[in-house]
Amino acid sequence: MAMAGRRLPRKLKKRPRIVQKKLDEITVDLYKVPDEADTGKW
C-alpha cells in the first residue's frame, strides 16, 4: 500500500493466456551454459 498509494484489489488480475504459455515454456535447460564455451580470452 505504501508503494502504490492505495489499497490492492481483492481479486488478482489473471495473466493473458499467451503470456502464461511463454512463462510455462521457460525451463532450467534454457539457462544452462556449455562448460567448454569459447569465451574469447587470449
C-alpha atoms as a PDB file:
ATOM      1  CA  MET A   1       0.000   0.000   0.000  1.00  0.00           C
ATOM      2  CA  ALA A   2       2.871   2.383   0.751  1.00  0.00           C
ATOM      3  CA  MET A   3       4.351   1.963  -2.736  1.00  0.00           C
ATOM      4  CA  ALA A   4       1.117   2.138  -4.711  1.00  0.00           C
ATOM      5  CA  GLY A   5      -0.520   4.817  -2.588  1.00  0.00           C
ATOM      6  CA  ARG A   6      -3.771   2.859  -2.486  1.00  0.00           C
ATOM      7  CA  ARG A   7      -5.095  -0.476  -1.331  1.00  0.00           C
ATOM      8  CA  LEU A   8      -4.508  -3.516  -3.501  1.00  0.00           C
ATOM      9  CA  PRO A   9      -7.522  -5.054  -5.255  1.00  0.00           C
ATOM     10  CA  ARG A  10      -9.055  -8.080  -3.547  1.00  0.00           C
ATOM     11  CA  LYS A  11      -9.172 -10.114  -6.737  1.00  0.00           C
ATOM     12  CA  LEU A  12      -5.897 -10.548  -8.614  1.00  0.00           C
ATOM     13  CA  LYS A  13      -5.889  -9.993 -12.349  1.00  0.00           C
ATOM     14  CA  LYS A  14      -5.160 -13.045 -14.472  1.00  0.00           C
ATOM     15  CA  ARG A  15      -2.323 -13.037 -16.974  1.00  0.00           C
ATOM     16  CA  PRO A  16      -3.222 -13.264 -20.643  1.00  0.00           C
ATOM     17  CA  ARG A  17      -3.102 -16.852 -21.905  1.00  0.00           C
ATOM     18  CA  ILE A  18      -0.268 -16.101 -24.354  1.00  0.00           C
ATOM     19  CA  VAL A  19       1.913 -14.658 -21.594  1.00  0.00           C
ATOM     20  CA  GLN A  20       1.253 -17.640 -19.335  1.00  0.00           C
ATOM     21  CA  LYS A  21       2.229 -20.063 -22.118  1.00  0.00           C
ATOM     22  CA  LYS A  22       5.529 -18.244 -22.607  1.00  0.00           C
ATOM     23  CA  LEU A  23       6.254 -18.433 -18.879  1.00  0.00           C
ATOM     24  CA  ASP A  24       5.447 -22.146 -18.834  1.00  0.00           C
ATOM     25  CA  GLU A  25       7.944 -22.755 -21.660  1.00  0.00           C
ATOM     26  CA  ILE A  26      10.831 -21.317 -19.627  1.00  0.00           C
ATOM     27  CA  THR A  27      12.819 -24.170 -18.106  1.00  0.00           C
ATOM     28  CA  VAL A  28      16.161 -24.630 -16.371  1.00  0.00           C
ATOM     29  CA  ASP A  29      17.608 -26.038 -19.601  1.00  0.00           C
ATOM     30  CA  LEU A  30      17.360 -22.616 -21.257  1.00  0.00           C
ATOM     31  CA  TYR A  31      19.802 -21.181 -18.717  1.00  0.00           C
ATOM     32  CA  LYS A  32      22.459 -23.888 -18.957  1.00  0.00           C
ATOM     33  CA  VAL A  33      25.786 -22.767 -20.408  1.00  0.00           C
ATOM     34  CA  PRO A  34      28.123 -25.294 -22.022  1.00  0.00           C
ATOM     35  CA  ASP A  35      31.271 -25.915 -19.960  1.00  0.00           C
ATOM     36  CA  GLU A  36      33.714 -25.564 -22.841  1.00  0.00           C
ATOM     37  CA  ALA A  37      32.297 -22.444 -24.466  1.00  0.00           C
ATOM     38  CA  ASP A  38      34.688 -20.175 -26.307  1.00  0.00           C
ATOM     39  CA  THR A  39      34.875 -17.131 -24.023  1.00  0.00           C
ATOM     40  CA  GLY A  40      37.146 -15.063 -26.268  1.00  0.00           C
ATOM     41  CA  LYS A  41      40.079 -14.996 -23.865  1.00  0.00           C
ATOM     42  CA  TRP A  42      43.596 -14.602 -25.311  1.00  0.00           C
END
